[in-house]
Every structure is written in C-alpha cells, then in structure tokens.
Full PDB file with SEQRES, HELIX, SHEET, SSBOND, CRYST1, ORIGX, SCALE, CONECT and MASTER records, all heavy atoms in Angstrom:
SEQRES   1 A   31  ILE GLY VAL SER SER THR LEU ILE SER GLU ARG PHE ARG          
SEQRES   2 A   31  GLY ARG GLU THR ARG LEU GLN LEU GLU ARG ALA MET ARG          
SEQRES   3 A   31  THR GLU THR TYR LEU                                          
HELIX    1 AA1 GLY A    2  TYR A   30  1                                  29    
CRYST1    1.000    1.000    1.000  90.00  90.00  90.00 P 1           1          
ORIGX1      1.000000  0.000000  0.000000        0.00000                         
ORIGX2      0.000000  1.000000  0.000000        0.00000                         
ORIGX3      0.000000  0.000000  1.000000        0.00000                         
SCALE1      1.000000  0.000000  0.000000        0.00000                         
SCALE2      0.000000  1.000000  0.000000        0.00000                         
SCALE3      0.000000  0.000000  1.000000        0.00000                         
ATOM      1  N   ILE A   1     140.929  85.652  72.966  1.00  0.00           N  
ATOM      2  CA  ILE A   1     141.043  86.806  72.170  1.00  0.00           C  
ATOM      3  C   ILE A   1     139.693  87.101  71.544  1.00  0.00           C  
ATOM      4  O   ILE A   1     139.307  88.301  71.422  1.00  0.00           O  
ATOM      5  CB  ILE A   1     142.046  86.475  70.970  1.00  0.00           C  
ATOM      6  CG1 ILE A   1     143.499  86.485  71.613  1.00  0.00           C  
ATOM      7  CG2 ILE A   1     142.020  87.587  69.886  1.00  0.00           C  
ATOM      8  CD1 ILE A   1     144.602  85.979  70.662  1.00  0.00           C  
ATOM      9  N   GLY A   2     138.869  86.158  71.133  1.00  0.00           N  
ATOM     10  CA  GLY A   2     137.611  86.377  70.513  1.00  0.00           C  
ATOM     11  C   GLY A   2     136.627  87.050  71.541  1.00  0.00           C  
ATOM     12  O   GLY A   2     135.969  87.952  71.177  1.00  0.00           O  
ATOM     13  N   VAL A   3     136.598  86.513  72.703  1.00  0.00           N  
ATOM     14  CA  VAL A   3     135.739  87.046  73.743  1.00  0.00           C  
ATOM     15  C   VAL A   3     136.143  88.459  74.111  1.00  0.00           C  
ATOM     16  O   VAL A   3     135.399  89.391  74.252  1.00  0.00           O  
ATOM     17  CB  VAL A   3     135.726  86.174  75.036  1.00  0.00           C  
ATOM     18  CG1 VAL A   3     135.081  86.886  76.227  1.00  0.00           C  
ATOM     19  CG2 VAL A   3     135.071  84.876  74.715  1.00  0.00           C  
ATOM     20  N   SER A   4     137.502  88.744  74.194  1.00  0.00           N  
ATOM     21  CA  SER A   4     137.976  90.054  74.607  1.00  0.00           C  
ATOM     22  C   SER A   4     137.651  91.054  73.492  1.00  0.00           C  
ATOM     23  O   SER A   4     137.252  92.180  73.756  1.00  0.00           O  
ATOM     24  CB  SER A   4     139.552  89.996  74.732  1.00  0.00           C  
ATOM     25  OG  SER A   4     139.876  89.157  75.807  1.00  0.00           O  
ATOM     26  N   SER A   5     137.890  90.638  72.230  1.00  0.00           N  
ATOM     27  CA  SER A   5     137.545  91.598  71.136  1.00  0.00           C  
ATOM     28  C   SER A   5     136.064  91.961  71.087  1.00  0.00           C  
ATOM     29  O   SER A   5     135.630  93.116  70.815  1.00  0.00           O  
ATOM     30  CB  SER A   5     138.012  91.093  69.803  1.00  0.00           C  
ATOM     31  OG  SER A   5     137.397  89.949  69.427  1.00  0.00           O  
ATOM     32  N   THR A   6     135.202  90.932  71.361  1.00  0.00           N  
ATOM     33  CA  THR A   6     133.789  91.154  71.357  1.00  0.00           C  
ATOM     34  C   THR A   6     133.387  92.165  72.520  1.00  0.00           C  
ATOM     35  O   THR A   6     132.547  93.069  72.312  1.00  0.00           O  
ATOM     36  CB  THR A   6     133.050  89.846  71.569  1.00  0.00           C  
ATOM     37  OG1 THR A   6     133.369  89.004  70.439  1.00  0.00           O  
ATOM     38  CG2 THR A   6     131.524  90.055  71.579  1.00  0.00           C  
ATOM     39  N   LEU A   7     133.932  91.891  73.711  1.00  0.00           N  
ATOM     40  CA  LEU A   7     133.615  92.832  74.847  1.00  0.00           C  
ATOM     41  C   LEU A   7     134.125  94.220  74.608  1.00  0.00           C  
ATOM     42  O   LEU A   7     133.476  95.223  74.904  1.00  0.00           O  
ATOM     43  CB  LEU A   7     134.277  92.278  76.106  1.00  0.00           C  
ATOM     44  CG  LEU A   7     133.696  91.029  76.716  1.00  0.00           C  
ATOM     45  CD1 LEU A   7     134.540  90.455  77.825  1.00  0.00           C  
ATOM     46  CD2 LEU A   7     132.329  91.232  77.038  1.00  0.00           C  
ATOM     47  N   ILE A   8     135.293  94.342  73.952  1.00  0.00           N  
ATOM     48  CA  ILE A   8     135.823  95.713  73.647  1.00  0.00           C  
ATOM     49  C   ILE A   8     134.915  96.411  72.669  1.00  0.00           C  
ATOM     50  O   ILE A   8     134.587  97.590  72.811  1.00  0.00           O  
ATOM     51  CB  ILE A   8     137.276  95.624  73.170  1.00  0.00           C  
ATOM     52  CG1 ILE A   8     138.169  95.243  74.366  1.00  0.00           C  
ATOM     53  CG2 ILE A   8     137.705  96.938  72.550  1.00  0.00           C  
ATOM     54  CD1 ILE A   8     139.615  94.908  74.001  1.00  0.00           C  
ATOM     55  N   SER A   9     134.592  95.682  71.595  1.00  0.00           N  
ATOM     56  CA  SER A   9     133.686  96.303  70.581  1.00  0.00           C  
ATOM     57  C   SER A   9     132.306  96.713  71.140  1.00  0.00           C  
ATOM     58  O   SER A   9     131.750  97.750  70.812  1.00  0.00           O  
ATOM     59  CB  SER A   9     133.615  95.448  69.318  1.00  0.00           C  
ATOM     60  OG  SER A   9     132.869  94.253  69.603  1.00  0.00           O  
ATOM     61  N   GLU A  10     131.807  95.861  72.046  1.00  0.00           N  
ATOM     62  CA  GLU A  10     130.486  96.161  72.582  1.00  0.00           C  
ATOM     63  C   GLU A  10     130.532  97.379  73.556  1.00  0.00           C  
ATOM     64  O   GLU A  10     129.652  98.192  73.656  1.00  0.00           O  
ATOM     65  CB  GLU A  10     129.955  94.995  73.434  1.00  0.00           C  
ATOM     66  CG  GLU A  10     129.367  93.860  72.566  1.00  0.00           C  
ATOM     67  CD  GLU A  10     128.213  94.296  71.672  1.00  0.00           C  
ATOM     68  OE1 GLU A  10     127.365  95.003  72.206  1.00  0.00           O  
ATOM     69  OE2 GLU A  10     128.221  93.945  70.480  1.00  0.00           O  
ATOM     70  N   ARG A  11     131.662  97.558  74.201  1.00  0.00           N  
ATOM     71  CA  ARG A  11     131.872  98.680  75.068  1.00  0.00           C  
ATOM     72  C   ARG A  11     131.896  99.998  74.208  1.00  0.00           C  
ATOM     73  O   ARG A  11     131.308 100.953  74.578  1.00  0.00           O  
ATOM     74  CB  ARG A  11     133.194  98.536  75.872  1.00  0.00           C  
ATOM     75  CG  ARG A  11     133.443  99.769  76.707  1.00  0.00           C  
ATOM     76  CD  ARG A  11     134.737  99.574  77.536  1.00  0.00           C  
ATOM     77  NE  ARG A  11     135.135 100.833  78.066  1.00  0.00           N  
ATOM     78  CZ  ARG A  11     135.037 101.095  79.353  1.00  0.00           C  
ATOM     79  NH1 ARG A  11     134.577 100.239  80.165  1.00  0.00           N  
ATOM     80  NH2 ARG A  11     135.399 102.323  79.812  1.00  0.00           N  
ATOM     81  N   PHE A  12     132.620  99.924  73.111  1.00  0.00           N  
ATOM     82  CA  PHE A  12     132.648 101.126  72.229  1.00  0.00           C  
ATOM     83  C   PHE A  12     131.322 101.410  71.594  1.00  0.00           C  
ATOM     84  O   PHE A  12     130.965 102.532  71.442  1.00  0.00           O  
ATOM     85  CB  PHE A  12     133.758 101.031  71.221  1.00  0.00           C  
ATOM     86  CG  PHE A  12     135.129 101.268  71.759  1.00  0.00           C  
ATOM     87  CD1 PHE A  12     136.109 100.219  71.681  1.00  0.00           C  
ATOM     88  CD2 PHE A  12     135.441 102.349  72.386  1.00  0.00           C  
ATOM     89  CE1 PHE A  12     137.347 100.367  72.189  1.00  0.00           C  
ATOM     90  CE2 PHE A  12     136.726 102.570  72.934  1.00  0.00           C  
ATOM     91  CZ  PHE A  12     137.737 101.549  72.827  1.00  0.00           C  
ATOM     92  N   ARG A  13     130.611 100.380  71.211  1.00  0.00           N  
ATOM     93  CA  ARG A  13     129.324 100.559  70.614  1.00  0.00           C  
ATOM     94  C   ARG A  13     128.399 101.096  71.638  1.00  0.00           C  
ATOM     95  O   ARG A  13     127.572 101.934  71.336  1.00  0.00           O  
ATOM     96  CB  ARG A  13     128.862  99.198  70.083  1.00  0.00           C  
ATOM     97  CG  ARG A  13     127.496  99.366  69.248  1.00  0.00           C  
ATOM     98  CD  ARG A  13     127.037  98.040  68.604  1.00  0.00           C  
ATOM     99  NE  ARG A  13     128.108  97.358  67.916  1.00  0.00           N  
ATOM    100  CZ  ARG A  13     128.308  96.073  67.963  1.00  0.00           C  
ATOM    101  NH1 ARG A  13     127.552  95.262  68.679  1.00  0.00           N  
ATOM    102  NH2 ARG A  13     129.370  95.493  67.337  1.00  0.00           N  
ATOM    103  N   GLY A  14     128.439 100.576  72.906  1.00  0.00           N  
ATOM    104  CA  GLY A  14     127.573 101.107  73.991  1.00  0.00           C  
ATOM    105  C   GLY A  14     127.841 102.567  74.257  1.00  0.00           C  
ATOM    106  O   GLY A  14     126.935 103.381  74.502  1.00  0.00           O  
ATOM    107  N   ARG A  15     129.126 102.974  74.277  1.00  0.00           N  
ATOM    108  CA  ARG A  15     129.472 104.396  74.485  1.00  0.00           C  
ATOM    109  C   ARG A  15     128.851 105.233  73.364  1.00  0.00           C  
ATOM    110  O   ARG A  15     128.346 106.330  73.654  1.00  0.00           O  
ATOM    111  CB  ARG A  15     130.995 104.506  74.518  1.00  0.00           C  
ATOM    112  CG  ARG A  15     131.441 105.944  74.791  1.00  0.00           C  
ATOM    113  CD  ARG A  15     132.913 106.086  74.883  1.00  0.00           C  
ATOM    114  NE  ARG A  15     133.487 105.169  75.932  1.00  0.00           N  
ATOM    115  CZ  ARG A  15     134.770 104.909  76.011  1.00  0.00           C  
ATOM    116  NH1 ARG A  15     135.619 105.262  75.125  1.00  0.00           N  
ATOM    117  NH2 ARG A  15     135.189 104.094  76.904  1.00  0.00           N  
ATOM    118  N   GLU A  16     128.982 104.788  72.113  1.00  0.00           N  
ATOM    119  CA  GLU A  16     128.488 105.559  71.003  1.00  0.00           C  
ATOM    120  C   GLU A  16     126.992 105.665  71.033  1.00  0.00           C  
ATOM    121  O   GLU A  16     126.411 106.776  70.827  1.00  0.00           O  
ATOM    122  CB  GLU A  16     128.868 104.963  69.661  1.00  0.00           C  
ATOM    123  CG  GLU A  16     128.464 105.718  68.438  1.00  0.00           C  
ATOM    124  CD  GLU A  16     129.054 107.147  68.361  1.00  0.00           C  
ATOM    125  OE1 GLU A  16     130.184 107.296  68.858  1.00  0.00           O  
ATOM    126  OE2 GLU A  16     128.323 107.990  67.796  1.00  0.00           O  
ATOM    127  N   THR A  17     126.232 104.642  71.398  1.00  0.00           N  
ATOM    128  CA  THR A  17     124.853 104.608  71.579  1.00  0.00           C  
ATOM    129  C   THR A  17     124.481 105.660  72.711  1.00  0.00           C  
ATOM    130  O   THR A  17     123.551 106.406  72.520  1.00  0.00           O  
ATOM    131  CB  THR A  17     124.297 103.258  71.872  1.00  0.00           C  
ATOM    132  OG1 THR A  17     124.692 102.325  70.841  1.00  0.00           O  
ATOM    133  CG2 THR A  17     122.819 103.318  72.084  1.00  0.00           C  
ATOM    134  N   ARG A  18     125.148 105.612  73.795  1.00  0.00           N  
ATOM    135  CA  ARG A  18     124.873 106.492  74.946  1.00  0.00           C  
ATOM    136  C   ARG A  18     125.037 107.967  74.442  1.00  0.00           C  
ATOM    137  O   ARG A  18     124.299 108.824  74.770  1.00  0.00           O  
ATOM    138  CB  ARG A  18     125.759 106.213  76.073  1.00  0.00           C  
ATOM    139  CG  ARG A  18     125.360 106.991  77.378  1.00  0.00           C  
ATOM    140  CD  ARG A  18     126.249 106.660  78.565  1.00  0.00           C  
ATOM    141  NE  ARG A  18     127.565 107.209  78.406  1.00  0.00           N  
ATOM    142  CZ  ARG A  18     128.733 106.435  78.211  1.00  0.00           C  
ATOM    143  NH1 ARG A  18     128.674 105.166  78.211  1.00  0.00           N  
ATOM    144  NH2 ARG A  18     129.813 107.041  78.084  1.00  0.00           N  
ATOM    145  N   LEU A  19     126.207 108.220  73.696  1.00  0.00           N  
ATOM    146  CA  LEU A  19     126.440 109.593  73.207  1.00  0.00           C  
ATOM    147  C   LEU A  19     125.315 110.059  72.227  1.00  0.00           C  
ATOM    148  O   LEU A  19     124.874 111.201  72.259  1.00  0.00           O  
ATOM    149  CB  LEU A  19     127.803 109.688  72.512  1.00  0.00           C  
ATOM    150  CG  LEU A  19     128.942 109.593  73.480  1.00  0.00           C  
ATOM    151  CD1 LEU A  19     130.246 109.521  72.654  1.00  0.00           C  
ATOM    152  CD2 LEU A  19     129.024 110.720  74.450  1.00  0.00           C  
ATOM    153  N   GLN A  20     124.847 109.175  71.380  1.00  0.00           N  
ATOM    154  CA  GLN A  20     123.747 109.522  70.509  1.00  0.00           C  
ATOM    155  C   GLN A  20     122.471 109.759  71.282  1.00  0.00           C  
ATOM    156  O   GLN A  20     121.686 110.770  70.960  1.00  0.00           O  
ATOM    157  CB  GLN A  20     123.542 108.387  69.501  1.00  0.00           C  
ATOM    158  CG  GLN A  20     124.508 108.235  68.449  1.00  0.00           C  
ATOM    159  CD  GLN A  20     124.363 106.995  67.519  1.00  0.00           C  
ATOM    160  OE1 GLN A  20     123.578 106.193  67.817  1.00  0.00           O  
ATOM    161  NE2 GLN A  20     125.185 106.952  66.512  1.00  0.00           N  
ATOM    162  N   LEU A  21     122.125 109.039  72.289  1.00  0.00           N  
ATOM    163  CA  LEU A  21     120.938 109.217  73.092  1.00  0.00           C  
ATOM    164  C   LEU A  21     121.019 110.591  73.797  1.00  0.00           C  
ATOM    165  O   LEU A  21     120.020 111.280  73.978  1.00  0.00           O  
ATOM    166  CB  LEU A  21     120.751 108.117  74.100  1.00  0.00           C  
ATOM    167  CG  LEU A  21     120.254 106.785  73.464  1.00  0.00           C  
ATOM    168  CD1 LEU A  21     120.280 105.690  74.573  1.00  0.00           C  
ATOM    169  CD2 LEU A  21     118.884 106.968  72.941  1.00  0.00           C  
ATOM    170  N   GLU A  22     122.293 110.889  74.360  1.00  0.00           N  
ATOM    171  CA  GLU A  22     122.445 112.181  75.062  1.00  0.00           C  
ATOM    172  C   GLU A  22     122.295 113.350  74.134  1.00  0.00           C  
ATOM    173  O   GLU A  22     121.580 114.356  74.446  1.00  0.00           O  
ATOM    174  CB  GLU A  22     123.823 112.224  75.715  1.00  0.00           C  
ATOM    175  CG  GLU A  22     123.938 111.277  76.871  1.00  0.00           C  
ATOM    176  CD  GLU A  22     125.381 111.303  77.496  1.00  0.00           C  
ATOM    177  OE1 GLU A  22     126.249 111.956  76.947  1.00  0.00           O  
ATOM    178  OE2 GLU A  22     125.587 110.521  78.437  1.00  0.00           O  
ATOM    179  N   ARG A  23     122.796 113.220  72.888  1.00  0.00           N  
ATOM    180  CA  ARG A  23     122.637 114.296  71.978  1.00  0.00           C  
ATOM    181  C   ARG A  23     121.202 114.433  71.508  1.00  0.00           C  
ATOM    182  O   ARG A  23     120.663 115.555  71.369  1.00  0.00           O  
ATOM    183  CB  ARG A  23     123.400 113.961  70.670  1.00  0.00           C  
ATOM    184  CG  ARG A  23     123.322 115.080  69.675  1.00  0.00           C  
ATOM    185  CD  ARG A  23     124.269 114.783  68.476  1.00  0.00           C  
ATOM    186  NE  ARG A  23     125.666 114.895  68.895  1.00  0.00           N  
ATOM    187  CZ  ARG A  23     126.649 114.307  68.207  1.00  0.00           C  
ATOM    188  NH1 ARG A  23     126.395 113.636  67.134  1.00  0.00           N  
ATOM    189  NH2 ARG A  23     127.890 114.414  68.675  1.00  0.00           N  
ATOM    190  N   ALA A  24     120.437 113.388  71.349  1.00  0.00           N  
ATOM    191  CA  ALA A  24     119.014 113.420  71.012  1.00  0.00           C  
ATOM    192  C   ALA A  24     118.257 114.031  72.198  1.00  0.00           C  
ATOM    193  O   ALA A  24     117.318 114.885  71.942  1.00  0.00           O  
ATOM    194  CB  ALA A  24     118.506 112.030  70.746  1.00  0.00           C  
ATOM    195  N   MET A  25     118.576 113.760  73.426  1.00  0.00           N  
ATOM    196  CA  MET A  25     117.907 114.357  74.551  1.00  0.00           C  
ATOM    197  C   MET A  25     118.165 115.850  74.626  1.00  0.00           C  
ATOM    198  O   MET A  25     117.232 116.690  74.790  1.00  0.00           O  
ATOM    199  CB  MET A  25     118.347 113.727  75.851  1.00  0.00           C  
ATOM    200  CG  MET A  25     117.689 114.283  77.028  1.00  0.00           C  
ATOM    201  SD  MET A  25     118.503 113.912  78.631  1.00  0.00           S  
ATOM    202  CE  MET A  25     120.136 114.616  78.307  1.00  0.00           C  
ATOM    203  N   ARG A  26     119.407 116.291  74.398  1.00  0.00           N  
ATOM    204  CA  ARG A  26     119.745 117.717  74.403  1.00  0.00           C  
ATOM    205  C   ARG A  26     118.969 118.451  73.220  1.00  0.00           C  
ATOM    206  O   ARG A  26     118.528 119.552  73.380  1.00  0.00           O  
ATOM    207  CB  ARG A  26     121.301 117.937  74.318  1.00  0.00           C  
ATOM    208  CG  ARG A  26     121.917 117.664  75.676  1.00  0.00           C  
ATOM    209  CD  ARG A  26     123.382 118.170  75.699  1.00  0.00           C  
ATOM    210  NE  ARG A  26     124.187 118.007  74.471  1.00  0.00           N  
ATOM    211  CZ  ARG A  26     124.862 116.906  74.194  1.00  0.00           C  
ATOM    212  NH1 ARG A  26     124.855 115.879  75.036  1.00  0.00           N  
ATOM    213  NH2 ARG A  26     125.518 116.857  73.122  1.00  0.00           N  
ATOM    214  N   THR A  27     119.019 117.796  72.110  1.00  0.00           N  
ATOM    215  CA  THR A  27     118.275 118.375  70.944  1.00  0.00           C  
ATOM    216  C   THR A  27     116.751 118.602  71.272  1.00  0.00           C  
ATOM    217  O   THR A  27     116.270 119.681  71.040  1.00  0.00           O  
ATOM    218  CB  THR A  27     118.425 117.515  69.702  1.00  0.00           C  
ATOM    219  OG1 THR A  27     119.810 117.348  69.327  1.00  0.00           O  
ATOM    220  CG2 THR A  27     117.696 118.124  68.558  1.00  0.00           C  
ATOM    221  N   GLU A  28     116.199 117.612  71.839  1.00  0.00           N  
ATOM    222  CA  GLU A  28     114.791 117.746  72.251  1.00  0.00           C  
ATOM    223  C   GLU A  28     114.605 118.861  73.260  1.00  0.00           C  
ATOM    224  O   GLU A  28     113.684 119.629  73.193  1.00  0.00           O  
ATOM    225  CB  GLU A  28     114.300 116.449  72.778  1.00  0.00           C  
ATOM    226  CG  GLU A  28     112.824 116.376  73.128  1.00  0.00           C  
ATOM    227  CD  GLU A  28     111.909 116.490  71.877  1.00  0.00           C  
ATOM    228  OE1 GLU A  28     112.345 116.192  70.770  1.00  0.00           O  
ATOM    229  OE2 GLU A  28     110.744 116.989  72.040  1.00  0.00           O  
ATOM    230  N   THR A  29     115.522 118.977  74.265  1.00  0.00           N  
ATOM    231  CA  THR A  29     115.470 119.981  75.290  1.00  0.00           C  
ATOM    232  C   THR A  29     115.562 121.313  74.633  1.00  0.00           C  
ATOM    233  O   THR A  29     114.894 122.294  74.990  1.00  0.00           O  
ATOM    234  CB  THR A  29     116.631 119.699  76.329  1.00  0.00           C  
ATOM    235  OG1 THR A  29     116.350 118.406  76.947  1.00  0.00           O  
ATOM    236  CG2 THR A  29     116.564 120.789  77.367  1.00  0.00           C  
ATOM    237  N   TYR A  30     116.524 121.474  73.719  1.00  0.00           N  
ATOM    238  CA  TYR A  30     116.745 122.736  72.978  1.00  0.00           C  
ATOM    239  C   TYR A  30     115.482 123.142  72.238  1.00  0.00           C  
ATOM    240  O   TYR A  30     115.139 124.294  72.234  1.00  0.00           O  
ATOM    241  CB  TYR A  30     117.952 122.648  72.084  1.00  0.00           C  
ATOM    242  CG  TYR A  30     119.262 122.420  72.808  1.00  0.00           C  
ATOM    243  CD1 TYR A  30     120.423 122.085  72.080  1.00  0.00           C  
ATOM    244  CD2 TYR A  30     119.375 122.635  74.179  1.00  0.00           C  
ATOM    245  CE1 TYR A  30     121.629 121.834  72.662  1.00  0.00           C  
ATOM    246  CE2 TYR A  30     120.627 122.364  74.733  1.00  0.00           C  
ATOM    247  CZ  TYR A  30     121.728 122.008  74.047  1.00  0.00           C  
ATOM    248  OH  TYR A  30     122.898 121.806  74.613  1.00  0.00           O  
ATOM    249  N   LEU A  31     114.967 122.161  71.515  1.00  0.00           N  
ATOM    250  CA  LEU A  31     113.766 122.514  70.710  1.00  0.00           C  
ATOM    251  C   LEU A  31     112.604 122.937  71.636  1.00  0.00           C  
ATOM    252  O   LEU A  31     111.791 123.858  71.285  1.00  0.00           O  
ATOM    253  CB  LEU A  31     113.342 121.309  69.865  1.00  0.00           C  
ATOM    254  CG  LEU A  31     114.301 120.978  68.688  1.00  0.00           C  
ATOM    255  CD1 LEU A  31     113.834 119.641  68.048  1.00  0.00           C  
ATOM    256  CD2 LEU A  31     114.249 122.134  67.714  1.00  0.00           C  
TER     257      LEU A  31                                                      
MASTER        0    0    0    1    0    0    0    6  256    1    0    3          
END                                                                             
C-alpha cells in the first residue's frame, strides 16, 4: 500500500509538472 500510494502520487505530481512546463513553453512562444 505504501509503495502503491507513493507511485500514484509521483505519477500525478509528474503530470502536473509536465503541464506546468508545457504552459511555460506556450507562454514563451506567445511572447
């Protein structure tokens, strides 16, 4: 259970980080 919850939280954190990087890249492109 501990390993599973850690893997799930890392997956969501990774997705959020990726979305933030994509938004920053688009913002830079727009500017």
